[in-house]
Amino acid sequence: MCGVARLSADAGRVSIRSVLPWTLDLVITRTVEDRPSGILRVDLAGDLAGWAQWVVRDGRADYDQACDVRTPVLRRLPRALDPLMRWNHAAMMSSGEAGLRRHLAGHEGS
């Protein structure tokens, strides 16, 4: 993440970037927070449109998402660049997972 700003109790603006030189600006809005079920779901708007969800149960956290790219320049990229874009996405997700693991390791026993 390049930047984070709170917009309200349920929404924030984030800027994310991976290896390739594009920054995506998003507004993330909490739509479901069901603590007993371990579900946190957010809507995504801005350069991406869709949703993302965490389900935390039995000591594990599962992540799922469905979104479309809304940035005009990225939507016009040739199909030949799809493998590069998938690699960039995988690198971003791997980096995010590593950061989350570091963060959670600092809170063990809290």
PDB file of N, CA and C in Angstrom:
ATOM      1  N   MET A   1       0.834  -1.177   0.000  1.00  0.00           N
ATOM      2  CA  MET A   1       0.000   0.000   0.000  1.00  0.00           C
ATOM      3  C   MET A   1       0.874   1.235   0.000  1.00  0.00           C
ATOM      4  N   CYS A   2       0.457   2.193  -0.784  1.00  0.00           N
ATOM      5  CA  CYS A   2       1.185   3.464  -0.854  1.00  0.00           C
ATOM      6  C   CYS A   2       0.595   4.500   0.081  1.00  0.00           C
ATOM      7  N   GLY A   3      -0.696   4.384   0.357  1.00  0.00           N
ATOM      8  CA  GLY A   3      -1.339   5.370   1.205  1.00  0.00           C
ATOM      9  C   GLY A   3      -2.702   4.909   1.659  1.00  0.00           C
ATOM     10  N   VAL A   4      -3.128   5.405   2.829  1.00  0.00           N
ATOM     11  CA  VAL A   4      -4.417   5.058   3.411  1.00  0.00           C
ATOM     12  C   VAL A   4      -5.001   6.308   4.052  1.00  0.00           C
ATOM     13  N   ALA A   5      -6.293   6.542   3.858  1.00  0.00           N
ATOM     14  CA  ALA A   5      -6.973   7.666   4.510  1.00  0.00           C
ATOM     15  C   ALA A   5      -8.383   7.231   4.887  1.00  0.00           C
ATOM     16  N   ARG A   6      -8.769   7.495   6.126  1.00  0.00           N
ATOM     17  CA  ARG A   6     -10.125   7.176   6.588  1.00  0.00           C
ATOM     18  C   ARG A   6     -11.100   8.192   6.002  1.00  0.00           C
ATOM     19  N   LEU A   7     -12.194   7.695   5.444  1.00  0.00           N
ATOM     20  CA  LEU A   7     -13.248   8.560   4.928  1.00  0.00           C
ATOM     21  C   LEU A   7     -14.435   8.618   5.881  1.00  0.00           C
ATOM     22  N   SER A   8     -14.704   7.499   6.559  1.00  0.00           N
ATOM     23  CA  SER A   8     -15.798   7.408   7.526  1.00  0.00           C
ATOM     24  C   SER A   8     -15.526   6.198   8.405  1.00  0.00           C
ATOM     25  N   ALA A   9     -16.476   5.879   9.281  1.00  0.00           N
ATOM     26  CA  ALA A   9     -16.310   4.702  10.132  1.00  0.00           C
ATOM     27  C   ALA A   9     -16.274   3.410   9.317  1.00  0.00           C
ATOM     28  N   ASP A  10     -16.867   3.437   8.127  1.00  0.00           N
ATOM     29  CA  ASP A  10     -16.954   2.227   7.305  1.00  0.00           C
ATOM     30  C   ASP A  10     -16.200   2.290   5.989  1.00  0.00           C
ATOM     31  N   ALA A  11     -15.515   3.392   5.713  1.00  0.00           N
ATOM     32  CA  ALA A  11     -14.884   3.534   4.395  1.00  0.00           C
ATOM     33  C   ALA A  11     -13.522   4.203   4.499  1.00  0.00           C
ATOM     34  N   GLY A  12     -12.682   3.866   3.542  1.00  0.00           N
ATOM     35  CA  GLY A  12     -11.362   4.476   3.465  1.00  0.00           C
ATOM     36  C   GLY A  12     -10.877   4.519   2.026  1.00  0.00           C
ATOM     37  N   ARG A  13      -9.915   5.374   1.800  1.00  0.00           N
ATOM     38  CA  ARG A  13      -9.281   5.488   0.486  1.00  0.00           C
ATOM     39  C   ARG A  13      -7.889   4.876   0.615  1.00  0.00           C
ATOM     40  N   VAL A  14      -7.539   3.993  -0.325  1.00  0.00           N
ATOM     41  CA  VAL A  14      -6.210   3.384  -0.327  1.00  0.00           C
ATOM     42  C   VAL A  14      -5.598   3.514  -1.713  1.00  0.00           C
ATOM     43  N   SER A  15      -4.294   3.614  -1.740  1.00  0.00           N
ATOM     44  CA  SER A  15      -3.525   3.574  -2.985  1.00  0.00           C
ATOM     45  C   SER A  15      -2.630   2.355  -2.900  1.00  0.00           C
ATOM     46  N   ILE A  16      -2.691   1.498  -3.920  1.00  0.00           N
ATOM     47  CA  ILE A  16      -1.900   0.269  -3.919  1.00  0.00           C
ATOM     48  C   ILE A  16      -1.053   0.210  -5.179  1.00  0.00           C
ATOM     49  N   ARG A  17       0.089  -0.446  -5.029  1.00  0.00           N
ATOM     50  CA  ARG A  17       1.012  -0.577  -6.156  1.00  0.00           C
ATOM     51  C   ARG A  17       1.792  -1.871  -5.982  1.00  0.00           C
ATOM     52  N   SER A  18       2.098  -2.499  -7.087  1.00  0.00           N
ATOM     53  CA  SER A  18       2.896  -3.716  -7.059  1.00  0.00           C
ATOM     54  C   SER A  18       4.219  -3.435  -7.747  1.00  0.00           C
ATOM     55  N   VAL A  19       4.660  -4.345  -8.583  1.00  0.00           N
ATOM     56  CA  VAL A  19       5.960  -4.216  -9.234  1.00  0.00           C
ATOM     57  C   VAL A  19       5.900  -3.249 -10.416  1.00  0.00           C
ATOM     58  N   LEU A  20       4.860  -3.360 -11.225  1.00  0.00           N
ATOM     59  CA  LEU A  20       4.728  -2.491 -12.397  1.00  0.00           C
ATOM     60  C   LEU A  20       4.378  -1.064 -11.971  1.00  0.00           C
ATOM     61  N   PRO A  21       4.728  -0.082 -12.768  1.00  0.00           N
ATOM     62  CA  PRO A  21       4.582   1.324 -12.348  1.00  0.00           C
ATOM     63  C   PRO A  21       3.170   1.894 -12.505  1.00  0.00           C
ATOM     64  N   TRP A  22       2.176   1.220 -11.890  1.00  0.00           N
ATOM     65  CA  TRP A  22       0.814   1.734 -11.861  1.00  0.00           C
ATOM     66  C   TRP A  22       0.333   1.729 -10.428  1.00  0.00           C
ATOM     67  N   THR A  23      -0.227   2.828 -10.010  1.00  0.00           N
ATOM     68  CA  THR A  23      -0.853   2.916  -8.694  1.00  0.00           C
ATOM     69  C   THR A  23      -2.359   2.907  -8.895  1.00  0.00           C
ATOM     70  N   LEU A  24      -3.033   2.050  -8.153  1.00  0.00           N
ATOM     71  CA  LEU A  24      -4.488   1.986  -8.201  1.00  0.00           C
ATOM     72  C   LEU A  24      -5.046   2.716  -6.988  1.00  0.00           C
ATOM     73  N   ASP A  25      -5.999   3.596  -7.218  1.00  0.00           N
ATOM     74  CA  ASP A  25      -6.668   4.326  -6.145  1.00  0.00           C
ATOM     75  C   ASP A  25      -8.046   3.718  -5.939  1.00  0.00           C
ATOM     76  N   LEU A  26      -8.324   3.329  -4.698  1.00  0.00           N
ATOM     77  CA  LEU A  26      -9.568   2.635  -4.377  1.00  0.00           C
ATOM     78  C   LEU A  26     -10.276   3.296  -3.211  1.00  0.00           C
ATOM     79  N   VAL A  27     -11.586   3.175  -3.199  1.00  0.00           N
ATOM     80  CA  VAL A  27     -12.387   3.455  -2.017  1.00  0.00           C
ATOM     81  C   VAL A  27     -12.926   2.104  -1.568  1.00  0.00           C
ATOM     82  N   ILE A  28     -12.627   1.757  -0.322  1.00  0.00           N
ATOM     83  CA  ILE A  28     -13.034   0.475   0.248  1.00  0.00           C
ATOM     84  C   ILE A  28     -14.095   0.756   1.306  1.00  0.00           C
ATOM     85  N   THR A  29     -15.268   0.120   1.159  1.00  0.00           N
ATOM     86  CA  THR A  29     -16.376   0.353   2.078  1.00  0.00           C
ATOM     87  C   THR A  29     -16.820  -0.963   2.707  1.00  0.00           C
ATOM     88  N   ARG A  30     -16.795  -1.017   4.035  1.00  0.00           N
ATOM     89  CA  ARG A  30     -17.232  -2.226   4.748  1.00  0.00           C
ATOM     90  C   ARG A  30     -18.724  -2.424   4.516  1.00  0.00           C
ATOM     91  N   THR A  31     -19.092  -3.628   4.064  1.00  0.00           N
ATOM     92  CA  THR A  31     -20.501  -3.955   3.846  1.00  0.00           C
ATOM     93  C   THR A  31     -20.985  -5.049   4.781  1.00  0.00           C
ATOM     94  N   VAL A  32     -20.078  -5.924   5.224  1.00  0.00           N
ATOM     95  CA  VAL A  32     -20.429  -6.982   6.172  1.00  0.00           C
ATOM     96  C   VAL A  32     -19.303  -7.092   7.189  1.00  0.00           C
ATOM     97  N   GLU A  33     -19.671  -7.068   8.461  1.00  0.00           N
ATOM     98  CA  GLU A  33     -18.737  -7.392   9.540  1.00  0.00           C
ATOM     99  C   GLU A  33     -19.507  -8.267  10.516  1.00  0.00           C
ATOM    100  N   ASP A  34     -19.372  -9.570  10.335  1.00  0.00           N
ATOM    101  CA  ASP A  34     -20.086 -10.554  11.139  1.00  0.00           C
ATOM    102  C   ASP A  34     -19.063 -11.295  11.990  1.00  0.00           C
ATOM    103  N   ARG A  35     -18.784 -10.753  13.165  1.00  0.00           N
ATOM    104  CA  ARG A  35     -17.750 -11.337  14.027  1.00  0.00           C
ATOM    105  C   ARG A  35     -18.037 -12.787  14.418  1.00  0.00           C
ATOM    106  N   PRO A  36     -19.269 -13.146  14.809  1.00  0.00           N
ATOM    107  CA  PRO A  36     -19.504 -14.553  15.167  1.00  0.00           C
ATOM    108  C   PRO A  36     -19.190 -15.525  14.025  1.00  0.00           C
ATOM    109  N   SER A  37     -19.438 -15.102  12.798  1.00  0.00           N
ATOM    110  CA  SER A  37     -19.152 -15.955  11.638  1.00  0.00           C
ATOM    111  C   SER A  37     -17.749 -15.751  11.094  1.00  0.00           C
ATOM    112  N   GLY A  38     -17.053 -14.713  11.565  1.00  0.00           N
ATOM    113  CA  GLY A  38     -15.693 -14.440  11.101  1.00  0.00           C
ATOM    114  C   GLY A  38     -15.624 -13.860   9.701  1.00  0.00           C
ATOM    115  N   ILE A  39     -16.658 -13.141   9.281  1.00  0.00           N
ATOM    116  CA  ILE A  39     -16.709 -12.621   7.909  1.00  0.00           C
ATOM    117  C   ILE A  39     -16.532 -11.107   7.903  1.00  0.00           C
ATOM    118  N   LEU A  40     -15.627 -10.643   7.062  1.00  0.00           N
ATOM    119  CA  LEU A  40     -15.461  -9.221   6.778  1.00  0.00           C
ATOM    120  C   LEU A  40     -15.476  -9.072   5.264  1.00  0.00           C
ATOM    121  N   ARG A  41     -16.417  -8.279   4.770  1.00  0.00           N
ATOM    122  CA  ARG A  41     -16.555  -8.070   3.325  1.00  0.00           C
ATOM    123  C   ARG A  41     -16.584  -6.577   3.049  1.00  0.00           C
ATOM    124  N   VAL A  42     -15.909  -6.181   1.975  1.00  0.00           N
ATOM    125  CA  VAL A  42     -15.876  -4.776   1.575  1.00  0.00           C
ATOM    126  C   VAL A  42     -16.217  -4.659   0.096  1.00  0.00           C
ATOM    127  N   ASP A  43     -16.808  -3.519  -0.252  1.00  0.00           N
ATOM    128  CA  ASP A  43     -16.997  -3.171  -1.659  1.00  0.00           C
ATOM    129  C   ASP A  43     -15.808  -2.343  -2.113  1.00  0.00           C
ATOM    130  N   LEU A  44     -15.410  -2.527  -3.357  1.00  0.00           N
ATOM    131  CA  LEU A  44     -14.303  -1.790  -3.954  1.00  0.00           C
ATOM    132  C   LEU A  44     -14.853  -0.860  -5.024  1.00  0.00           C
ATOM    133  N   ALA A  45     -14.380   0.385  -5.019  1.00  0.00           N
ATOM    134  CA  ALA A  45     -14.760   1.354  -6.048  1.00  0.00           C
ATOM    135  C   ALA A  45     -13.520   2.152  -6.416  1.00  0.00           C
ATOM    136  N   GLY A  46     -13.569   2.809  -7.545  1.00  0.00           N
ATOM    137  CA  GLY A  46     -12.427   3.586  -8.024  1.00  0.00           C
ATOM    138  C   GLY A  46     -11.804   2.890  -9.216  1.00  0.00           C
ATOM    139  N   ASP A  47     -10.491   2.661  -9.169  1.00  0.00           N
ATOM    140  CA  ASP A  47      -9.799   2.004 -10.283  1.00  0.00           C
ATOM    141  C   ASP A  47     -10.173   0.530 -10.414  1.00  0.00           C
ATOM    142  N   LEU A  48     -10.726  -0.054  -9.353  1.00  0.00           N
ATOM    143  CA  LEU A  48     -11.290  -1.403  -9.382  1.00  0.00           C
ATOM    144  C   LEU A  48     -12.727  -1.305  -8.892  1.00  0.00           C
ATOM    145  N   ALA A  49     -13.600  -2.156  -9.402  1.00  0.00           N
ATOM    146  CA  ALA A  49     -14.982  -2.223  -8.928  1.00  0.00           C
ATOM    147  C   ALA A  49     -15.300  -3.676  -8.619  1.00  0.00           C
ATOM    148  N   GLY A  50     -15.832  -3.918  -7.430  1.00  0.00           N
ATOM    149  CA  GLY A  50     -16.178  -5.277  -7.040  1.00  0.00           C
ATOM    150  C   GLY A  50     -16.208  -5.411  -5.536  1.00  0.00           C
ATOM    151  N   TRP A  51     -15.726  -6.547  -5.041  1.00  0.00           N
ATOM    152  CA  TRP A  51     -15.733  -6.806  -3.611  1.00  0.00           C
ATOM    153  C   TRP A  51     -14.529  -7.659  -3.228  1.00  0.00           C
ATOM    154  N   ALA A  52     -14.236  -7.657  -1.930  1.00  0.00           N
ATOM    155  CA  ALA A  52     -13.204  -8.527  -1.351  1.00  0.00           C
ATOM    156  C   ALA A  52     -13.733  -9.012  -0.007  1.00  0.00           C
ATOM    157  N   GLN A  53     -13.324 -10.224   0.387  1.00  0.00           N
ATOM    158  CA  GLN A  53     -13.864 -10.805   1.613  1.00  0.00           C
ATOM    159  C   GLN A  53     -12.832 -11.664   2.324  1.00  0.00           C
ATOM    160  N   TRP A  54     -12.802 -11.532   3.640  1.00  0.00           N
ATOM    161  CA  TRP A  54     -12.032 -12.403   4.517  1.00  0.00           C
ATOM    162  C   TRP A  54     -13.014 -13.254   5.311  1.00  0.00           C
ATOM    163  N   VAL A  55     -12.700 -14.542   5.454  1.00  0.00           N
ATOM    164  CA  VAL A  55     -13.427 -15.423   6.364  1.00  0.00           C
ATOM    165  C   VAL A  55     -12.379 -16.008   7.304  1.00  0.00           C
ATOM    166  N   VAL A  56     -12.518 -15.691   8.592  1.00  0.00           N
ATOM    167  CA  VAL A  56     -11.545 -16.122   9.602  1.00  0.00           C
ATOM    168  C   VAL A  56     -12.234 -17.141  10.501  1.00  0.00           C
ATOM    169  N   ARG A  57     -11.724 -18.388  10.473  1.00  0.00           N
ATOM    170  CA  ARG A  57     -12.295 -19.476  11.271  1.00  0.00           C
ATOM    171  C   ARG A  57     -11.217 -20.491  11.600  1.00  0.00           C
ATOM    172  N   ASP A  58     -11.318 -21.047  12.775  1.00  0.00           N
ATOM    173  CA  ASP A  58     -10.466 -22.171  13.170  1.00  0.00           C
ATOM    174  C   ASP A  58      -8.985 -21.901  12.924  1.00  0.00           C
ATOM    175  N   GLY A  59      -8.534 -20.695  13.240  1.00  0.00           N
ATOM    176  CA  GLY A  59      -7.114 -20.372  13.123  1.00  0.00           C
ATOM    177  C   GLY A  59      -6.616 -20.131  11.712  1.00  0.00           C
ATOM    178  N   ARG A  60      -7.503 -19.979  10.758  1.00  0.00           N
ATOM    179  CA  ARG A  60      -7.069 -19.677   9.396  1.00  0.00           C
ATOM    180  C   ARG A  60      -7.904 -18.536   8.830  1.00  0.00           C
ATOM    181  N   ALA A  61      -7.344 -17.861   7.854  1.00  0.00           N
ATOM    182  CA  ALA A  61      -8.022 -16.749   7.190  1.00  0.00           C
ATOM    183  C   ALA A  61      -8.040 -17.024   5.688  1.00  0.00           C
ATOM    184  N   ASP A  62      -9.233 -17.074   5.119  1.00  0.00           N
ATOM    185  CA  ASP A  62      -9.394 -17.290   3.679  1.00  0.00           C
ATOM    186  C   ASP A  62      -9.827 -15.983   3.031  1.00  0.00           C
ATOM    187  N   TYR A  63      -9.198 -15.657   1.904  1.00  0.00           N
ATOM    188  CA  TYR A  63      -9.465 -14.416   1.187  1.00  0.00           C
ATOM    189  C   TYR A  63     -10.050 -14.741  -0.175  1.00  0.00           C
ATOM    190  N   ASP A  64     -11.040 -13.970  -0.581  1.00  0.00           N
ATOM    191  CA  ASP A  64     -11.628 -14.119  -1.909  1.00  0.00           C
ATOM    192  C   ASP A  64     -11.961 -12.723  -2.432  1.00  0.00           C
ATOM    193  N   GLN A  65     -11.985 -12.583  -3.736  1.00  0.00           N
ATOM    194  CA  GLN A  65     -12.307 -11.284  -4.331  1.00  0.00           C
ATOM    195  C   GLN A  65     -12.881 -11.490  -5.722  1.00  0.00           C
ATOM    196  N   ALA A  66     -13.649 -10.519  -6.149  1.00  0.00           N
ATOM    197  CA  ALA A  66     -14.130 -10.452  -7.528  1.00  0.00           C
ATOM    198  C   ALA A  66     -14.166  -8.975  -7.885  1.00  0.00           C
ATOM    199  N   CYS A  67     -13.411  -8.603  -8.891  1.00  0.00           N
ATOM    200  CA  CYS A  67     -13.389  -7.188  -9.263  1.00  0.00           C
ATOM    201  C   CYS A  67     -13.020  -7.038 -10.737  1.00  0.00           C
ATOM    202  N   ASP A  68     -13.378  -5.881 -11.250  1.00  0.00           N
ATOM    203  CA  ASP A  68     -13.059  -5.503 -12.624  1.00  0.00           C
ATOM    204  C   ASP A  68     -12.182  -4.266 -12.594  1.00  0.00           C
ATOM    205  N   VAL A  69     -11.271  -4.201 -13.540  1.00  0.00           N
ATOM    206  CA  VAL A  69     -10.417  -3.021 -13.680  1.00  0.00           C
ATOM    207  C   VAL A  69     -11.244  -1.918 -14.333  1.00  0.00           C
ATOM    208  N   ARG A  70     -11.198  -0.718 -13.760  1.00  0.00           N
ATOM    209  CA  ARG A  70     -11.941   0.425 -14.288  1.00  0.00           C
ATOM    210  C   ARG A  70     -11.029   1.492 -14.882  1.00  0.00           C
ATOM    211  N   THR A  71      -9.730   1.394 -14.642  1.00  0.00           N
ATOM    212  CA  THR A  71      -8.786   2.378 -15.158  1.00  0.00           C
ATOM    213  C   THR A  71      -8.717   2.252 -16.677  1.00  0.00           C
ATOM    214  N   PRO A  72      -9.076   3.304 -17.425  1.00  0.00           N
ATOM    215  CA  PRO A  72      -9.122   3.200 -18.892  1.00  0.00           C
ATOM    216  C   PRO A  72      -7.818   2.708 -19.516  1.00  0.00           C
ATOM    217  N   VAL A  73      -6.683   3.211 -19.076  1.00  0.00           N
ATOM    218  CA  VAL A  73      -5.420   2.800 -19.704  1.00  0.00           C
ATOM    219  C   VAL A  73      -5.158   1.310 -19.486  1.00  0.00           C
ATOM    220  N   LEU A  74      -5.483   0.783 -18.315  1.00  0.00           N
ATOM    221  CA  LEU A  74      -5.271  -0.641 -18.060  1.00  0.00           C
ATOM    222  C   LEU A  74      -6.283  -1.496 -18.815  1.00  0.00           C
ATOM    223  N   ARG A  75      -7.482  -0.990 -19.011  1.00  0.00           N
ATOM    224  CA  ARG A  75      -8.501  -1.734 -19.759  1.00  0.00           C
ATOM    225  C   ARG A  75      -8.135  -1.857 -21.235  1.00  0.00           C
ATOM    226  N   ARG A  76      -7.343  -0.927 -21.738  1.00  0.00           N
ATOM    227  CA  ARG A  76      -6.972  -0.934 -23.160  1.00  0.00           C
ATOM    228  C   ARG A  76      -5.685  -1.705 -23.447  1.00  0.00           C
ATOM    229  N   LEU A  77      -5.051  -2.266 -22.438  1.00  0.00           N
ATOM    230  CA  LEU A  77      -3.809  -3.006 -22.681  1.00  0.00           C
ATOM    231  C   LEU A  77      -4.081  -4.204 -23.586  1.00  0.00           C
ATOM    232  N   PRO A  78      -3.143  -4.524 -24.455  1.00  0.00           N
ATOM    233  CA  PRO A  78      -3.327  -5.687 -25.336  1.00  0.00           C
ATOM    234  C   PRO A  78      -3.401  -6.985 -24.530  1.00  0.00           C
ATOM    235  N   ARG A  79      -4.186  -7.933 -25.029  1.00  0.00           N
ATOM    236  CA  ARG A  79      -4.332  -9.241 -24.381  1.00  0.00           C
ATOM    237  C   ARG A  79      -2.991  -9.940 -24.203  1.00  0.00           C
ATOM    238  N   ALA A  80      -2.034  -9.628 -25.050  1.00  0.00           N
ATOM    239  CA  ALA A  80      -0.709 -10.254 -24.946  1.00  0.00           C
ATOM    240  C   ALA A  80      -0.042  -9.929 -23.611  1.00  0.00           C
ATOM    241  N   LEU A  81      -0.481  -8.856 -22.943  1.00  0.00           N
ATOM    242  CA  LEU A  81       0.107  -8.478 -21.655  1.00  0.00           C
ATOM    243  C   LEU A  81      -0.587  -9.138 -20.465  1.00  0.00           C
ATOM    244  N   ASP A  82      -1.626  -9.943 -20.708  1.00  0.00           N
ATOM    245  CA  ASP A  82      -2.340 -10.600 -19.608  1.00  0.00           C
ATOM    246  C   ASP A  82      -1.417 -11.397 -18.686  1.00  0.00           C
ATOM    247  N   PRO A  83      -0.472 -12.198 -19.218  1.00  0.00           N
ATOM    248  CA  PRO A  83       0.418 -12.929 -18.306  1.00  0.00           C
ATOM    249  C   PRO A  83       1.235 -11.994 -17.406  1.00  0.00           C
ATOM    250  N   LEU A  84       1.680 -10.872 -17.942  1.00  0.00           N
ATOM    251  CA  LEU A  84       2.429  -9.902 -17.145  1.00  0.00           C
ATOM    252  C   LEU A  84       1.542  -9.314 -16.047  1.00  0.00           C
ATOM    253  N   MET A  85       0.300  -9.012 -16.378  1.00  0.00           N
ATOM    254  CA  MET A  85      -0.614  -8.447 -15.388  1.00  0.00           C
ATOM    255  C   MET A  85      -0.957  -9.473 -14.308  1.00  0.00           C
ATOM    256  N   ARG A  86      -1.107 -10.744 -14.678  1.00  0.00           N
ATOM    257  CA  ARG A  86      -1.356 -11.790 -13.675  1.00  0.00           C
ATOM    258  C   ARG A  86      -0.153 -11.948 -12.758  1.00  0.00           C
ATOM    259  N   TRP A  87       1.056 -11.885 -13.321  1.00  0.00           N
ATOM    260  CA  TRP A  87       2.274 -11.960 -12.512  1.00  0.00           C
ATOM    261  C   TRP A  87       2.325 -10.786 -11.534  1.00  0.00           C
ATOM    262  N   ASN A  88       2.005  -9.582 -12.008  1.00  0.00           N
ATOM    263  CA  ASN A  88       2.021  -8.393 -11.158  1.00  0.00           C
ATOM    264  C   ASN A  88       1.005  -8.536 -10.019  1.00  0.00           C
ATOM    265  N   HIS A  89      -0.178  -9.054 -10.342  1.00  0.00           N
ATOM    266  CA  HIS A  89      -1.207  -9.263  -9.318  1.00  0.00           C
ATOM    267  C   HIS A  89      -0.732 -10.287  -8.289  1.00  0.00           C
ATOM    268  N   ALA A  90      -0.139 -11.382  -8.757  1.00  0.00           N
ATOM    269  CA  ALA A  90       0.365 -12.404  -7.833  1.00  0.00           C
ATOM    270  C   ALA A  90       1.450 -11.832  -6.926  1.00  0.00           C
ATOM    271  N   ALA A  91       2.320 -10.989  -7.480  1.00  0.00           N
ATOM    272  CA  ALA A  91       3.369 -10.360  -6.667  1.00  0.00           C
ATOM    273  C   ALA A  91       2.756  -9.452  -5.608  1.00  0.00           C
ATOM    274  N   MET A  92       1.717  -8.702  -5.975  1.00  0.00           N
ATOM    275  CA  MET A  92       1.059  -7.816  -5.013  1.00  0.00           C
ATOM    276  C   MET A  92       0.393  -8.623  -3.904  1.00  0.00           C
ATOM    277  N   MET A  93      -0.305  -9.685  -4.264  1.00  0.00           N
ATOM    278  CA  MET A  93      -0.990 -10.498  -3.263  1.00  0.00           C
ATOM    279  C   MET A  93       0.011 -11.181  -2.343  1.00  0.00           C
ATOM    280  N   SER A  94       1.121 -11.653  -2.883  1.00  0.00           N
ATOM    281  CA  SER A  94       2.161 -12.280  -2.067  1.00  0.00           C
ATOM    282  C   SER A  94       2.764 -11.280  -1.086  1.00  0.00           C
ATOM    283  N   SER A  95       3.016 -10.074  -1.567  1.00  0.00           N
ATOM    284  CA  SER A  95       3.554  -9.025  -0.705  1.00  0.00           C
ATOM    285  C   SER A  95       2.558  -8.667   0.396  1.00  0.00           C
ATOM    286  N   GLY A  96       1.283  -8.579   0.045  1.00  0.00           N
ATOM    287  CA  GLY A  96       0.251  -8.287   1.036  1.00  0.00           C
ATOM    288  C   GLY A  96       0.144  -9.378   2.083  1.00  0.00           C
ATOM    289  N   GLU A  97       0.227 -10.632   1.657  1.00  0.00           N
ATOM    290  CA  GLU A  97       0.183 -11.745   2.604  1.00  0.00           C
ATOM    291  C   GLU A  97       1.373 -11.696   3.552  1.00  0.00           C
ATOM    292  N   ALA A  98       2.557 -11.429   3.012  1.00  0.00           N
ATOM    293  CA  ALA A  98       3.756 -11.348   3.859  1.00  0.00           C
ATOM    294  C   ALA A  98       3.625 -10.212   4.874  1.00  0.00           C
ATOM    295  N   GLY A  99       3.099  -9.066   4.441  1.00  0.00           N
ATOM    296  CA  GLY A  99       2.905  -7.947   5.359  1.00  0.00           C
ATOM    297  C   GLY A  99       1.896  -8.272   6.442  1.00  0.00           C
ATOM    298  N   LEU A 100       0.814  -8.954   6.083  1.00  0.00           N
ATOM    299  CA  LEU A 100      -0.186  -9.352   7.069  1.00  0.00           C
ATOM    300  C   LEU A 100       0.411 -10.335   8.071  1.00  0.00           C
ATOM    301  N   ARG A 101       1.205 -11.284   7.589  1.00  0.00           N
ATOM    302  CA  ARG A 101       1.847 -12.240   8.503  1.00  0.00           C
ATOM    303  C   ARG A 101       2.770 -11.524   9.487  1.00  0.00           C
ATOM    304  N   ARG A 102       3.545 -10.547   8.999  1.00  0.00           N
ATOM    305  CA  ARG A 102       4.425  -9.781   9.896  1.00  0.00           C
ATOM    306  C   ARG A 102       3.607  -9.017  10.932  1.00  0.00           C
ATOM    307  N   HIS A 103       2.535  -8.401  10.481  1.00  0.00           N
ATOM    308  CA  HIS A 103       1.678  -7.634  11.389  1.00  0.00           C
ATOM    309  C   HIS A 103       1.083  -8.539  12.467  1.00  0.00           C
ATOM    310  N   LEU A 104       0.545  -9.685  12.059  1.00  0.00           N
ATOM    311  CA  LEU A 104      -0.074 -10.595  13.016  1.00  0.00           C
ATOM    312  C   LEU A 104       0.949 -11.205  13.964  1.00  0.00           C
ATOM    313  N   ALA A 105       2.155 -11.460  13.481  1.00  0.00           N
ATOM    314  CA  ALA A 105       3.206 -12.008  14.349  1.00  0.00           C
ATOM    315  C   ALA A 105       3.528 -11.039  15.481  1.00  0.00           C
ATOM    316  N   GLY A 106       3.412  -9.751  15.220  1.00  0.00           N
ATOM    317  CA  GLY A 106       3.665  -8.749  16.254  1.00  0.00           C
ATOM    318  C   GLY A 106       2.561  -8.669  17.284  1.00  0.00           C
ATOM    319  N   HIS A 107       1.402  -9.301  17.010  1.00  0.00           N
ATOM    320  CA  HIS A 107       0.265  -9.255  17.932  1.00  0.00           C
ATOM    321  C   HIS A 107      -0.009 -10.598  18.590  1.00  0.00           C
ATOM    322  N   GLU A 108       0.890 -11.565  18.451  1.00  0.00           N
ATOM    323  CA  GLU A 108       0.677 -12.874  19.070  1.00  0.00           C
ATOM    324  C   GLU A 108       0.597 -12.717  20.577  1.00  0.00           C
ATOM    325  N   GLY A 109      -0.378 -13.393  21.154  1.00  0.00           N
ATOM    326  CA  GLY A 109      -0.531 -13.356  22.599  1.00  0.00           C
ATOM    327  C   GLY A 109      -1.233 -12.114  23.111  1.00  0.00           C
ATOM    328  N   SER A 110      -1.686 -11.238  22.216  1.00  0.00           N
ATOM    329  CA  SER A 110      -2.377 -10.011  22.651  1.00  0.00           C
ATOM    330  C   SER A 110      -3.797 -10.305  23.046  1.00  0.00           C
TER     331      SER A 110
END
